[in-house]
């Protein structure tokens, strides 16, 4: 099965080249689809300087639309059998790919999430970020009859036919609850595996805020009663 790695990128000039290098070093990606979401910090110049091998597709949004919009663009452009979301920062380690892919390759499941709360090594998260994450995950479980430990994780892996058959509309960080809600409503059971996590500080470019938590809660409630 061919793996497509989707990398949404917005103002990540200091890390995006390193992330692509690390993905290539793992040697599992058939293609790497980078969607630059209207960066203004020089990320586009960095992407233009990367060795343009056959495995790399770079797509530019003319202006910033949000992570969800970038991921959807990446999904539409991907040609692999398995789609894996990778952030353009250094919080998540591509060396986790074998662990993330194994349950799909072995036919155990069609959707895998990498959980930061199942015992893998991690840099300490901010307390209130952890509370918000746990709260949103609990509400997800309550509304959709699941037992997830980390709904908001970046590392989401899908058989292509699963996610490409779901109408996705979210443009920002509400992508995480939307895709989770719609996957669960369609009867797919999400398989979680432990991953490591190296969370960055606010002054290093962390972008999510408390407002995104409120939007995520509304998204979970909304898609419980509509599609």
Protein backbone atom coordinates (compact mmCIF):
# COMPACT_ATOMS: atom_id res chain seq x y z
CA UNK A 1 0.00 0.00 0.00
CA UNK A 2 1.27 3.46 -0.91
CA UNK A 3 1.54 6.11 1.82
CA UNK A 4 0.79 9.79 1.21
CA UNK A 5 1.95 12.16 3.96
CA UNK A 6 -0.07 15.39 4.09
CA UNK A 7 1.78 18.40 5.59
CA UNK A 8 -0.26 21.59 6.11
CA UNK A 9 2.15 24.49 6.52
CA UNK A 10 1.56 28.05 7.68
CA UNK A 11 4.52 30.23 8.68
CA UNK A 12 6.86 27.36 9.57
CA UNK A 13 10.06 28.52 7.85
CA UNK A 14 12.25 27.32 10.71
CA UNK A 15 11.00 23.73 10.72
CA UNK A 16 9.26 22.69 7.49
CA UNK A 17 12.45 21.66 5.66
CA UNK A 18 13.56 19.57 8.65
CA UNK A 19 10.16 17.86 8.82
CA UNK A 20 10.32 16.94 5.13
CA UNK A 21 13.86 15.65 5.59
CA UNK A 22 12.76 13.51 8.55
CA UNK A 23 9.78 12.11 6.63
CA UNK A 24 12.07 11.18 3.74
CA UNK A 25 14.58 9.60 6.10
CA UNK A 26 11.94 7.18 7.42
CA UNK A 27 11.61 5.91 3.85
CA UNK A 28 7.94 4.91 3.95
CA UNK A 29 6.21 7.77 2.10
CA UNK A 30 5.30 7.21 -1.54
CA UNK A 31 4.56 10.93 -1.75
CA UNK A 32 4.78 14.00 0.48
CA UNK A 33 2.07 16.59 -0.16
CA UNK A 34 2.92 19.96 1.37
CA UNK A 35 0.16 22.57 1.32
CA UNK A 36 1.50 26.03 2.05
CA UNK A 37 -1.48 27.89 3.46
CA UNK A 38 -0.61 31.44 2.46
CA UNK A 39 2.59 31.73 4.52
CA UNK A 40 4.10 35.20 4.85
CA UNK A 41 7.28 34.41 6.80
CA UNK A 42 9.44 33.01 4.00
CA UNK A 43 8.18 29.42 4.19
CA UNK A 44 7.51 29.51 0.43
CA UNK A 45 11.12 30.37 -0.29
CA UNK A 46 12.26 27.51 1.95
CA UNK A 47 9.94 25.09 0.13
CA UNK A 48 11.21 26.29 -3.25
CA UNK A 49 14.78 25.52 -2.16
CA UNK A 50 14.08 21.87 -1.21
CA UNK A 51 15.36 19.17 -3.54
CA UNK A 52 12.37 18.59 -5.91
CA UNK A 53 12.41 14.82 -5.95
CA UNK A 54 9.57 12.80 -7.46
CA UNK A 55 8.11 12.18 -4.00
CA UNK A 56 7.35 15.84 -3.25
CA UNK A 57 4.25 17.83 -4.23
CA UNK A 58 4.00 21.46 -3.12
CA UNK A 59 0.66 23.25 -3.35
CA UNK A 60 0.20 26.94 -2.53
CA UNK A 61 -2.95 28.55 -1.21
CA UNK A 62 -3.05 32.19 -2.39
CA UNK A 63 -4.01 33.30 1.12
CA UNK A 64 -4.35 31.77 4.57
CA UNK A 65 -7.46 29.59 4.86
CA UNK A 66 -6.72 27.47 7.94
CA UNK A 67 -5.33 24.03 8.77
CA UNK A 68 -8.53 22.20 7.88
CA UNK A 69 -8.62 23.78 4.44
CA UNK A 70 -4.97 22.87 3.88
CA UNK A 71 -5.53 19.25 4.93
CA UNK A 72 -8.54 18.97 2.61
CA UNK A 73 -6.46 20.29 -0.29
CA UNK A 74 -3.82 17.71 0.57
CA UNK A 75 -6.37 14.89 0.69
CA UNK A 76 -7.70 15.87 -2.74
CA UNK A 77 -4.20 15.89 -4.25
CA UNK A 78 -2.98 12.67 -2.61
CA UNK A 79 -2.79 9.47 -4.64
CA UNK A 80 -1.79 7.00 -1.91
CA UNK A 81 -3.80 4.15 -0.40
CA UNK A 82 -3.11 5.47 3.11
CA UNK A 83 -3.21 9.15 4.11
CA UNK A 84 -1.27 10.39 7.14
CA UNK A 85 -1.37 13.95 8.53
CA UNK A 86 1.96 15.43 9.65
CA UNK A 87 2.32 18.92 11.13
CA UNK A 88 5.08 21.15 9.73
CA UNK A 89 6.58 21.78 13.17
CA UNK A 90 8.73 19.41 15.22
CA UNK A 91 6.15 18.33 17.80
CA UNK A 92 5.53 14.95 16.15
CA UNK A 93 8.24 12.47 15.12
CA UNK A 94 7.99 10.71 11.72
CA UNK A 95 9.89 7.78 13.21
CA UNK A 96 6.51 6.82 14.69
CA UNK A 97 5.17 5.94 11.22
CA UNK A 98 5.76 2.15 11.46
CA UNK A 99 3.71 2.06 14.69
CA UNK A 100 0.96 4.19 13.16
CA UNK A 101 0.76 2.17 9.94
CA UNK A 102 0.94 -1.35 11.34
CA UNK A 103 -2.74 -1.72 12.41
CA UNK A 104 -3.90 -0.70 8.92
CA UNK A 105 -1.34 -2.83 7.11
CA UNK A 106 -2.35 -5.85 9.21
CA UNK A 107 -6.04 -5.32 8.44
CA UNK A 108 -6.98 -4.58 12.04
CA UNK A 109 -8.56 -1.20 11.33
CA UNK A 110 -8.98 1.49 8.70
CA UNK A 111 -8.31 4.50 10.94
CA UNK A 112 -5.44 5.02 13.40
CA UNK A 113 -4.80 7.91 15.81
CA UNK A 114 -1.49 8.47 17.56
CA UNK A 115 -2.22 9.24 21.21
CA UNK A 116 -0.05 11.45 23.40
CA UNK A 117 -1.74 10.03 26.51
CA UNK A 118 -1.04 6.29 26.24
CA UNK A 119 2.36 6.26 27.91
CA UNK A 120 4.75 7.42 25.20
CA UNK A 121 7.57 9.84 26.08
CA UNK A 122 6.48 13.46 25.95
CA UNK A 123 7.45 16.97 26.85
CA UNK A 124 5.14 18.29 29.57
CA UNK A 125 2.08 20.02 28.08
CA UNK A 126 0.56 23.21 29.41
CA UNK A 127 -1.93 22.29 32.13
CA UNK A 128 -4.92 24.11 30.66
CA UNK A 129 -4.17 22.79 27.17
CA UNK A 130 -4.27 19.29 28.66
CA UNK A 131 -7.54 20.02 30.45
CA UNK A 132 -9.12 21.34 27.25
CA UNK A 133 -7.88 18.33 25.29
CA UNK A 134 -9.16 15.83 27.85
CA UNK A 135 -12.51 17.63 28.07
CA UNK A 136 -13.03 17.66 24.31
CA UNK A 137 -12.00 14.02 24.08
CA UNK A 138 -14.43 13.08 26.88
CA UNK A 139 -17.27 14.89 25.11
CA UNK A 140 -16.35 13.10 21.87
CA UNK A 141 -16.57 9.77 23.65
CA UNK A 142 -19.86 10.68 25.29
CA UNK A 143 -21.51 11.89 22.09
CA UNK A 144 -20.16 9.23 19.72
CA UNK A 145 -19.85 6.17 21.99
CA UNK A 146 -16.07 5.88 21.77
CA UNK A 147 -13.15 5.44 24.17
CA UNK A 148 -10.54 7.72 22.64
CA UNK A 149 -7.76 9.22 24.74
CA UNK A 150 -6.58 11.97 22.34
CA UNK A 151 -9.09 13.30 19.81
CA UNK A 152 -7.02 16.41 19.07
CA UNK A 153 -3.85 14.58 18.05
CA UNK A 154 -2.18 15.60 14.79
CA UNK A 155 -1.31 12.02 13.88
CA UNK A 156 -4.43 10.77 12.15
CA UNK A 157 -4.07 7.99 9.57
CA UNK A 158 -6.79 6.81 7.20
CA UNK A 159 -7.35 4.37 4.42
CA UNK A 160 -7.87 6.77 1.54
CA UNK A 161 -11.31 5.47 0.63
CA UNK A 162 -12.52 6.17 4.18
CA UNK A 163 -11.67 9.85 4.42
CA UNK A 164 -12.17 10.69 0.75
CA UNK A 165 -15.75 9.45 1.07
CA UNK A 166 -16.54 11.91 3.87
CA UNK A 167 -17.71 15.48 3.12
CA UNK A 168 -15.40 17.74 5.14
CA UNK A 169 -16.08 21.44 5.54
CA UNK A 170 -13.90 22.72 8.40
CA UNK A 171 -11.28 25.31 7.55
CA UNK A 172 -9.38 25.77 10.81
CA UNK A 173 -8.57 23.57 13.82
CA UNK A 174 -12.19 22.42 13.90
CA UNK A 175 -11.01 19.86 11.34
CA UNK A 176 -9.99 17.54 14.21
CA UNK A 177 -13.44 17.20 15.83
CA UNK A 178 -15.23 17.22 12.46
CA UNK A 179 -13.30 14.35 10.92
CA UNK A 180 -13.42 12.38 14.19
CA UNK A 181 -17.17 12.85 14.53
CA UNK A 182 -17.88 11.85 10.95
CA UNK A 183 -15.58 8.83 11.03
CA UNK A 184 -17.26 7.55 14.19
CA UNK A 185 -20.79 8.26 12.88
CA UNK A 186 -20.00 6.11 9.84
CA UNK A 187 -19.22 3.15 12.06
CA UNK A 188 -15.42 3.14 11.79
CA UNK A 189 -13.67 2.28 15.03
CA UNK A 190 -10.51 4.31 15.64
CA UNK A 191 -7.44 2.35 16.73
CA UNK A 192 -5.08 4.31 19.00
CA UNK A 193 -1.33 3.74 19.40
CA UNK A 194 1.06 5.52 21.79
CA UNK A 195 3.33 8.18 20.33
CA UNK A 196 5.96 10.58 21.63
CA UNK A 197 5.27 14.30 21.78
CA UNK A 198 7.60 17.30 21.88
CA UNK A 199 5.21 20.21 22.37
CA UNK A 200 6.53 23.65 21.52
CA UNK A 201 6.15 26.91 23.43
CA UNK A 202 3.97 29.86 22.45
CA UNK A 203 7.05 31.89 21.52
CA UNK A 204 8.09 29.08 19.17
CA UNK A 205 4.99 29.52 17.05
CA UNK A 206 2.24 27.45 18.70
CA UNK A 207 -0.98 28.66 17.10
CA UNK A 208 -4.02 27.00 18.72
CA UNK A 209 -5.91 29.10 21.29
CA UNK A 210 -8.83 28.81 23.72
CA UNK A 211 -11.16 30.09 21.00
CA UNK A 212 -10.40 26.99 18.96
CA UNK A 213 -11.50 24.88 21.93
CA UNK A 214 -14.90 26.60 21.97
CA UNK A 215 -15.25 26.07 18.21
CA UNK A 216 -14.26 22.41 18.62
CA UNK A 217 -16.99 21.91 21.24
CA UNK A 218 -19.60 23.46 18.95
CA UNK A 219 -18.35 21.29 16.07
CA UNK A 220 -18.79 18.10 18.11
CA UNK A 221 -22.34 19.09 19.08
CA UNK A 222 -23.24 20.20 15.58
CA UNK A 223 -22.15 17.03 13.80
CA UNK A 224 -23.88 14.84 16.33
CA UNK A 225 -27.20 15.95 14.84
CA UNK A 226 -26.22 16.81 11.26
CA UNK A 227 -23.70 15.82 8.60
